[in-house]
Amino acid sequence: MKARVTVTLKSGILDPQGKAIEGALRSLGVAGIASVRQGKVFDIELDGGDRAQAEALLKQAADKLLANTVIENYRVEVLG
């Protein structure tokens, strides 16, 4: 079974890396960029076929390791 955990900064948290990317895009002449916020994506393969159990396991992994829940949000998607 494949899954994806997407981790992003909570709104209101400063994102210096996103600001640096935004500035770099502008300096490269990419027009129309209003703002950039960066994040992390984890593509994970799991054994077994129980979607509910996989989702619970991934939420536990995100809470304990993949995300800093003080400043980051995460989304778990079980893809199949």
PDB file of N, CA and C in Angstrom:
ATOM      1  N   MET A   1       0.846  -1.168   0.000  1.00  0.00           N
ATOM      2  CA  MET A   1       0.000   0.000   0.000  1.00  0.00           C
ATOM      3  C   MET A   1       0.898   1.240   0.000  1.00  0.00           C
ATOM      4  N   LYS A   2       0.518   2.233  -0.764  1.00  0.00           N
ATOM      5  CA  LYS A   2       1.289   3.469  -0.846  1.00  0.00           C
ATOM      6  C   LYS A   2       0.548   4.591  -0.144  1.00  0.00           C
ATOM      7  N   ALA A   3       1.328   5.495   0.431  1.00  0.00           N
ATOM      8  CA  ALA A   3       0.737   6.622   1.137  1.00  0.00           C
ATOM      9  C   ALA A   3       1.638   7.836   0.976  1.00  0.00           C
ATOM     10  N   ARG A   4       1.068   8.993   1.263  1.00  0.00           N
ATOM     11  CA  ARG A   4       1.822  10.243   1.202  1.00  0.00           C
ATOM     12  C   ARG A   4       1.469  11.067   2.432  1.00  0.00           C
ATOM     13  N   VAL A   5       2.506  11.585   3.096  1.00  0.00           N
ATOM     14  CA  VAL A   5       2.330  12.507   4.211  1.00  0.00           C
ATOM     15  C   VAL A   5       2.918  13.845   3.756  1.00  0.00           C
ATOM     16  N   THR A   6       2.081  14.877   3.759  1.00  0.00           N
ATOM     17  CA  THR A   6       2.505  16.214   3.361  1.00  0.00           C
ATOM     18  C   THR A   6       2.560  17.088   4.605  1.00  0.00           C
ATOM     19  N   VAL A   7       3.709  17.715   4.835  1.00  0.00           N
ATOM     20  CA  VAL A   7       3.923  18.543   6.022  1.00  0.00           C
ATOM     21  C   VAL A   7       4.145  19.980   5.566  1.00  0.00           C
ATOM     22  N   THR A   8       3.390  20.916   6.141  1.00  0.00           N
ATOM     23  CA  THR A   8       3.527  22.335   5.811  1.00  0.00           C
ATOM     24  C   THR A   8       3.539  23.158   7.092  1.00  0.00           C
ATOM     25  N   LEU A   9       4.124  24.332   6.999  1.00  0.00           N
ATOM     26  CA  LEU A   9       4.128  25.230   8.149  1.00  0.00           C
ATOM     27  C   LEU A   9       2.714  25.757   8.401  1.00  0.00           C
ATOM     28  N   LYS A  10       2.380  25.921   9.673  1.00  0.00           N
ATOM     29  CA  LYS A  10       1.093  26.521  10.009  1.00  0.00           C
ATOM     30  C   LYS A  10       1.083  27.971   9.548  1.00  0.00           C
ATOM     31  N   SER A  11      -0.117  28.479   9.256  1.00  0.00           N
ATOM     32  CA  SER A  11      -0.201  29.878   8.836  1.00  0.00           C
ATOM     33  C   SER A  11       0.217  30.743  10.021  1.00  0.00           C
ATOM     34  N   GLY A  12       0.886  31.826   9.728  1.00  0.00           N
ATOM     35  CA  GLY A  12       1.396  32.709  10.771  1.00  0.00           C
ATOM     36  C   GLY A  12       2.822  32.399  11.191  1.00  0.00           C
ATOM     37  N   ILE A  13       3.329  31.232  10.788  1.00  0.00           N
ATOM     38  CA  ILE A  13       4.716  30.867  11.077  1.00  0.00           C
ATOM     39  C   ILE A  13       5.587  31.399   9.936  1.00  0.00           C
ATOM     40  N   LEU A  14       6.637  32.138  10.286  1.00  0.00           N
ATOM     41  CA  LEU A  14       7.530  32.668   9.264  1.00  0.00           C
ATOM     42  C   LEU A  14       8.191  31.536   8.493  1.00  0.00           C
ATOM     43  N   ASP A  15       8.375  31.753   7.192  1.00  0.00           N
ATOM     44  CA  ASP A  15       8.961  30.748   6.303  1.00  0.00           C
ATOM     45  C   ASP A  15      10.127  31.372   5.540  1.00  0.00           C
ATOM     46  N   PRO A  16      11.307  31.460   6.165  1.00  0.00           N
ATOM     47  CA  PRO A  16      12.432  32.094   5.486  1.00  0.00           C
ATOM     48  C   PRO A  16      12.864  31.367   4.220  1.00  0.00           C
ATOM     49  N   GLN A  17      12.751  30.048   4.186  1.00  0.00           N
ATOM     50  CA  GLN A  17      13.122  29.315   2.975  1.00  0.00           C
ATOM     51  C   GLN A  17      12.147  29.644   1.842  1.00  0.00           C
ATOM     52  N   GLY A  18      10.875  29.726   2.160  1.00  0.00           N
ATOM     53  CA  GLY A  18       9.881  30.113   1.157  1.00  0.00           C
ATOM     54  C   GLY A  18      10.150  31.512   0.620  1.00  0.00           C
ATOM     55  N   LYS A  19      10.525  32.443   1.507  1.00  0.00           N
ATOM     56  CA  LYS A  19      10.853  33.810   1.080  1.00  0.00           C
ATOM     57  C   LYS A  19      12.079  33.815   0.173  1.00  0.00           C
ATOM     58  N   ALA A  20      13.087  32.993   0.496  1.00  0.00           N
ATOM     59  CA  ALA A  20      14.285  32.913  -0.335  1.00  0.00           C
ATOM     60  C   ALA A  20      13.946  32.367  -1.726  1.00  0.00           C
ATOM     61  N   ILE A  21      13.087  31.351  -1.780  1.00  0.00           N
ATOM     62  CA  ILE A  21      12.659  30.787  -3.064  1.00  0.00           C
ATOM     63  C   ILE A  21      11.883  31.837  -3.861  1.00  0.00           C
ATOM     64  N   GLU A  22      11.001  32.545  -3.166  1.00  0.00           N
ATOM     65  CA  GLU A  22      10.231  33.608  -3.808  1.00  0.00           C
ATOM     66  C   GLU A  22      11.155  34.648  -4.434  1.00  0.00           C
ATOM     67  N   GLY A  23      12.166  35.100  -3.689  1.00  0.00           N
ATOM     68  CA  GLY A  23      13.116  36.077  -4.218  1.00  0.00           C
ATOM     69  C   GLY A  23      13.911  35.534  -5.388  1.00  0.00           C
ATOM     70  N   ALA A  24      14.316  34.266  -5.307  1.00  0.00           N
ATOM     71  CA  ALA A  24      15.076  33.652  -6.394  1.00  0.00           C
ATOM     72  C   ALA A  24      14.231  33.551  -7.663  1.00  0.00           C
ATOM     73  N   LEU A  25      12.971  33.195  -7.517  1.00  0.00           N
ATOM     74  CA  LEU A  25      12.092  33.117  -8.686  1.00  0.00           C
ATOM     75  C   LEU A  25      11.956  34.476  -9.354  1.00  0.00           C
ATOM     76  N   ARG A  26      11.790  35.508  -8.533  1.00  0.00           N
ATOM     77  CA  ARG A  26      11.674  36.864  -9.091  1.00  0.00           C
ATOM     78  C   ARG A  26      12.959  37.266  -9.805  1.00  0.00           C
ATOM     79  N   SER A  27      14.109  36.939  -9.199  1.00  0.00           N
ATOM     80  CA  SER A  27      15.390  37.311  -9.831  1.00  0.00           C
ATOM     81  C   SER A  27      15.632  36.542 -11.130  1.00  0.00           C
ATOM     82  N   LEU A  28      14.986  35.384 -11.277  1.00  0.00           N
ATOM     83  CA  LEU A  28      15.080  34.613 -12.514  1.00  0.00           C
ATOM     84  C   LEU A  28      14.088  35.084 -13.569  1.00  0.00           C
ATOM     85  N   GLY A  29      13.269  36.074 -13.201  1.00  0.00           N
ATOM     86  CA  GLY A  29      12.322  36.627 -14.159  1.00  0.00           C
ATOM     87  C   GLY A  29      10.990  35.906 -14.209  1.00  0.00           C
ATOM     88  N   VAL A  30      10.709  35.064 -13.228  1.00  0.00           N
ATOM     89  CA  VAL A  30       9.414  34.377 -13.187  1.00  0.00           C
ATOM     90  C   VAL A  30       8.387  35.374 -12.658  1.00  0.00           C
ATOM     91  N   ALA A  31       7.453  35.767 -13.504  1.00  0.00           N
ATOM     92  CA  ALA A  31       6.481  36.807 -13.160  1.00  0.00           C
ATOM     93  C   ALA A  31       5.236  36.211 -12.522  1.00  0.00           C
ATOM     94  N   GLY A  32       4.558  37.015 -11.740  1.00  0.00           N
ATOM     95  CA  GLY A  32       3.260  36.639 -11.192  1.00  0.00           C
ATOM     96  C   GLY A  32       3.311  35.845  -9.899  1.00  0.00           C
ATOM     97  N   ILE A  33       4.482  35.713  -9.276  1.00  0.00           N
ATOM     98  CA  ILE A  33       4.581  34.981  -8.021  1.00  0.00           C
ATOM     99  C   ILE A  33       4.203  35.921  -6.881  1.00  0.00           C
ATOM    100  N   ALA A  34       3.137  35.603  -6.163  1.00  0.00           N
ATOM    101  CA  ALA A  34       2.701  36.439  -5.045  1.00  0.00           C
ATOM    102  C   ALA A  34       3.433  36.056  -3.763  1.00  0.00           C
ATOM    103  N   SER A  35       3.536  34.758  -3.497  1.00  0.00           N
ATOM    104  CA  SER A  35       4.271  34.293  -2.319  1.00  0.00           C
ATOM    105  C   SER A  35       4.556  32.806  -2.473  1.00  0.00           C
ATOM    106  N   VAL A  36       5.539  32.335  -1.701  1.00  0.00           N
ATOM    107  CA  VAL A  36       5.919  30.924  -1.728  1.00  0.00           C
ATOM    108  C   VAL A  36       6.020  30.438  -0.287  1.00  0.00           C
ATOM    109  N   ARG A  37       5.453  29.269  -0.013  1.00  0.00           N
ATOM    110  CA  ARG A  37       5.627  28.581   1.264  1.00  0.00           C
ATOM    111  C   ARG A  37       6.102  27.179   0.923  1.00  0.00           C
ATOM    112  N   GLN A  38       7.120  26.730   1.600  1.00  0.00           N
ATOM    113  CA  GLN A  38       7.683  25.421   1.296  1.00  0.00           C
ATOM    114  C   GLN A  38       7.241  24.401   2.344  1.00  0.00           C
ATOM    115  N   GLY A  39       7.376  23.139   1.985  1.00  0.00           N
ATOM    116  CA  GLY A  39       7.003  22.054   2.885  1.00  0.00           C
ATOM    117  C   GLY A  39       7.783  20.795   2.557  1.00  0.00           C
ATOM    118  N   LYS A  40       7.308  19.677   3.115  1.00  0.00           N
ATOM    119  CA  LYS A  40       7.958  18.387   2.901  1.00  0.00           C
ATOM    120  C   LYS A  40       6.905  17.373   2.472  1.00  0.00           C
ATOM    121  N   VAL A  41       7.323  16.433   1.626  1.00  0.00           N
ATOM    122  CA  VAL A  41       6.445  15.339   1.211  1.00  0.00           C
ATOM    123  C   VAL A  41       7.177  14.031   1.462  1.00  0.00           C
ATOM    124  N   PHE A  42       6.493  13.100   2.129  1.00  0.00           N
ATOM    125  CA  PHE A  42       7.034  11.767   2.384  1.00  0.00           C
ATOM    126  C   PHE A  42       6.164  10.761   1.650  1.00  0.00           C
ATOM    127  N   ASP A  43       6.743  10.039   0.686  1.00  0.00           N
ATOM    128  CA  ASP A  43       6.052   8.941   0.008  1.00  0.00           C
ATOM    129  C   ASP A  43       6.477   7.661   0.717  1.00  0.00           C
ATOM    130  N   ILE A  44       5.497   6.940   1.244  1.00  0.00           N
ATOM    131  CA  ILE A  44       5.769   5.794   2.104  1.00  0.00           C
ATOM    132  C   ILE A  44       5.049   4.572   1.564  1.00  0.00           C
ATOM    133  N   GLU A  45       5.733   3.434   1.536  1.00  0.00           N
ATOM    134  CA  GLU A  45       5.106   2.162   1.174  1.00  0.00           C
ATOM    135  C   GLU A  45       4.921   1.350   2.443  1.00  0.00           C
ATOM    136  N   LEU A  46       3.733   0.773   2.591  1.00  0.00           N
ATOM    137  CA  LEU A  46       3.366   0.022   3.793  1.00  0.00           C
ATOM    138  C   LEU A  46       3.015  -1.413   3.433  1.00  0.00           C
ATOM    139  N   ASP A  47       3.280  -2.318   4.362  1.00  0.00           N
ATOM    140  CA  ASP A  47       2.812  -3.694   4.228  1.00  0.00           C
ATOM    141  C   ASP A  47       1.359  -3.754   4.676  1.00  0.00           C
ATOM    142  N   GLY A  48       0.608  -4.668   4.112  1.00  0.00           N
ATOM    143  CA  GLY A  48      -0.775  -4.866   4.536  1.00  0.00           C
ATOM    144  C   GLY A  48      -1.742  -4.077   3.682  1.00  0.00           C
ATOM    145  N   GLY A  49      -3.035  -4.325   3.917  1.00  0.00           N
ATOM    146  CA  GLY A  49      -4.058  -3.709   3.094  1.00  0.00           C
ATOM    147  C   GLY A  49      -5.154  -3.013   3.860  1.00  0.00           C
ATOM    148  N   ASP A  50      -5.001  -2.858   5.176  1.00  0.00           N
ATOM    149  CA  ASP A  50      -6.021  -2.208   5.994  1.00  0.00           C
ATOM    150  C   ASP A  50      -5.798  -0.701   5.979  1.00  0.00           C
ATOM    151  N   ARG A  51      -6.662   0.025   5.257  1.00  0.00           N
ATOM    152  CA  ARG A  51      -6.497   1.470   5.091  1.00  0.00           C
ATOM    153  C   ARG A  51      -6.606   2.219   6.414  1.00  0.00           C
ATOM    154  N   ALA A  52      -7.555   1.852   7.246  1.00  0.00           N
ATOM    155  CA  ALA A  52      -7.740   2.543   8.525  1.00  0.00           C
ATOM    156  C   ALA A  52      -6.515   2.367   9.425  1.00  0.00           C
ATOM    157  N   GLN A  53      -5.971   1.157   9.444  1.00  0.00           N
ATOM    158  CA  GLN A  53      -4.780   0.892  10.253  1.00  0.00           C
ATOM    159  C   GLN A  53      -3.576   1.648   9.685  1.00  0.00           C
ATOM    160  N   ALA A  54      -3.460   1.698   8.378  1.00  0.00           N
ATOM    161  CA  ALA A  54      -2.354   2.424   7.735  1.00  0.00           C
ATOM    162  C   ALA A  54      -2.436   3.914   8.059  1.00  0.00           C
ATOM    163  N   GLU A  55      -3.633   4.470   7.987  1.00  0.00           N
ATOM    164  CA  GLU A  55      -3.804   5.890   8.286  1.00  0.00           C
ATOM    165  C   GLU A  55      -3.453   6.186   9.746  1.00  0.00           C
ATOM    166  N   ALA A  56      -3.882   5.322  10.653  1.00  0.00           N
ATOM    167  CA  ALA A  56      -3.560   5.507  12.074  1.00  0.00           C
ATOM    168  C   ALA A  56      -2.053   5.421  12.315  1.00  0.00           C
ATOM    169  N   LEU A  57      -1.400   4.475  11.659  1.00  0.00           N
ATOM    170  CA  LEU A  57       0.043   4.310  11.787  1.00  0.00           C
ATOM    171  C   LEU A  57       0.792   5.538  11.272  1.00  0.00           C
ATOM    172  N   LEU A  58       0.353   6.070  10.135  1.00  0.00           N
ATOM    173  CA  LEU A  58       1.001   7.233   9.556  1.00  0.00           C
ATOM    174  C   LEU A  58       0.775   8.491  10.382  1.00  0.00           C
ATOM    175  N   LYS A  59      -0.401   8.639  10.969  1.00  0.00           N
ATOM    176  CA  LYS A  59      -0.646   9.780  11.861  1.00  0.00           C
ATOM    177  C   LYS A  59       0.266   9.708  13.078  1.00  0.00           C
ATOM    178  N   GLN A  60       0.454   8.510  13.601  1.00  0.00           N
ATOM    179  CA  GLN A  60       1.358   8.316  14.726  1.00  0.00           C
ATOM    180  C   GLN A  60       2.791   8.684  14.319  1.00  0.00           C
ATOM    181  N   ALA A  61       3.223   8.256  13.141  1.00  0.00           N
ATOM    182  CA  ALA A  61       4.560   8.565  12.653  1.00  0.00           C
ATOM    183  C   ALA A  61       4.738  10.074  12.464  1.00  0.00           C
ATOM    184  N   ALA A  62       3.719  10.737  11.934  1.00  0.00           N
ATOM    185  CA  ALA A  62       3.794  12.181  11.727  1.00  0.00           C
ATOM    186  C   ALA A  62       3.852  12.916  13.061  1.00  0.00           C
ATOM    187  N   ASP A  63       3.033  12.497  14.017  1.00  0.00           N
ATOM    188  CA  ASP A  63       3.038  13.133  15.336  1.00  0.00           C
ATOM    189  C   ASP A  63       4.371  12.968  16.051  1.00  0.00           C
ATOM    190  N   LYS A  64       5.001  11.811  15.897  1.00  0.00           N
ATOM    191  CA  LYS A  64       6.226  11.512  16.633  1.00  0.00           C
ATOM    192  C   LYS A  64       7.503  11.948  15.926  1.00  0.00           C
ATOM    193  N   LEU A  65       7.520  11.960  14.580  1.00  0.00           N
ATOM    194  CA  LEU A  65       8.777  12.179  13.881  1.00  0.00           C
ATOM    195  C   LEU A  65       8.686  13.099  12.667  1.00  0.00           C
ATOM    196  N   LEU A  66       7.723  12.879  11.807  1.00  0.00           N
ATOM    197  CA  LEU A  66       7.735  13.542  10.506  1.00  0.00           C
ATOM    198  C   LEU A  66       7.406  15.027  10.577  1.00  0.00           C
ATOM    199  N   ALA A  67       6.612  15.443  11.563  1.00  0.00           N
ATOM    200  CA  ALA A  67       6.195  16.841  11.672  1.00  0.00           C
ATOM    201  C   ALA A  67       6.464  17.365  13.076  1.00  0.00           C
ATOM    202  N   ASN A  68       6.816  18.631  13.143  1.00  0.00           N
ATOM    203  CA  ASN A  68       6.883  19.334  14.420  1.00  0.00           C
ATOM    204  C   ASN A  68       5.514  19.972  14.606  1.00  0.00           C
ATOM    205  N   THR A  69       4.642  19.320  15.359  1.00  0.00           N
ATOM    206  CA  THR A  69       3.240  19.735  15.419  1.00  0.00           C
ATOM    207  C   THR A  69       3.028  21.074  16.122  1.00  0.00           C
ATOM    208  N   VAL A  70       4.073  21.633  16.719  1.00  0.00           N
ATOM    209  CA  VAL A  70       3.962  22.962  17.303  1.00  0.00           C
ATOM    210  C   VAL A  70       3.866  24.008  16.189  1.00  0.00           C
ATOM    211  N   ILE A  71       4.636  23.809  15.118  1.00  0.00           N
ATOM    212  CA  ILE A  71       4.676  24.810  14.041  1.00  0.00           C
ATOM    213  C   ILE A  71       4.239  24.270  12.682  1.00  0.00           C
ATOM    214  N   GLU A  72       3.962  22.968  12.574  1.00  0.00           N
ATOM    215  CA  GLU A  72       3.621  22.379  11.281  1.00  0.00           C
ATOM    216  C   GLU A  72       2.296  21.619  11.334  1.00  0.00           C
ATOM    217  N   ASN A  73       1.604  21.620  10.220  1.00  0.00           N
ATOM    218  CA  ASN A  73       0.426  20.776   9.992  1.00  0.00           C
ATOM    219  C   ASN A  73       0.847  19.630   9.077  1.00  0.00           C
ATOM    220  N   TYR A  74       0.089  18.557   9.097  1.00  0.00           N
ATOM    221  CA  TYR A  74       0.345  17.464   8.158  1.00  0.00           C
ATOM    222  C   TYR A  74      -0.962  16.909   7.640  1.00  0.00           C
ATOM    223  N   ARG A  75      -0.874  16.288   6.453  1.00  0.00           N
ATOM    224  CA  ARG A  75      -2.021  15.625   5.832  1.00  0.00           C
ATOM    225  C   ARG A  75      -1.574  14.232   5.412  1.00  0.00           C
ATOM    226  N   VAL A  76      -2.367  13.244   5.767  1.00  0.00           N
ATOM    227  CA  VAL A  76      -2.076  11.841   5.423  1.00  0.00           C
ATOM    228  C   VAL A  76      -3.029  11.419   4.315  1.00  0.00           C
ATOM    229  N   GLU A  77      -2.465  10.845   3.242  1.00  0.00           N
ATOM    230  CA  GLU A  77      -3.270  10.308   2.151  1.00  0.00           C
ATOM    231  C   GLU A  77      -2.849   8.871   1.912  1.00  0.00           C
ATOM    232  N   VAL A  78      -3.776   7.931   2.061  1.00  0.00           N
ATOM    233  CA  VAL A  78      -3.515   6.544   1.708  1.00  0.00           C
ATOM    234  C   VAL A  78      -3.941   6.389   0.266  1.00  0.00           C
ATOM    235  N   LEU A  79      -2.977   6.078  -0.601  1.00  0.00           N
ATOM    236  CA  LEU A  79      -3.210   6.106  -2.048  1.00  0.00           C
ATOM    237  C   LEU A  79      -3.680   4.765  -2.620  1.00  0.00           C
ATOM    238  N   GLY A  80      -3.420   3.696  -1.910  1.00  0.00           N
ATOM    239  CA  GLY A  80      -3.861   2.400  -2.392  1.00  0.00           C
ATOM    240  C   GLY A  80      -2.773   1.399  -2.509  1.00  0.00           C
TER     241      GLY A  80
END
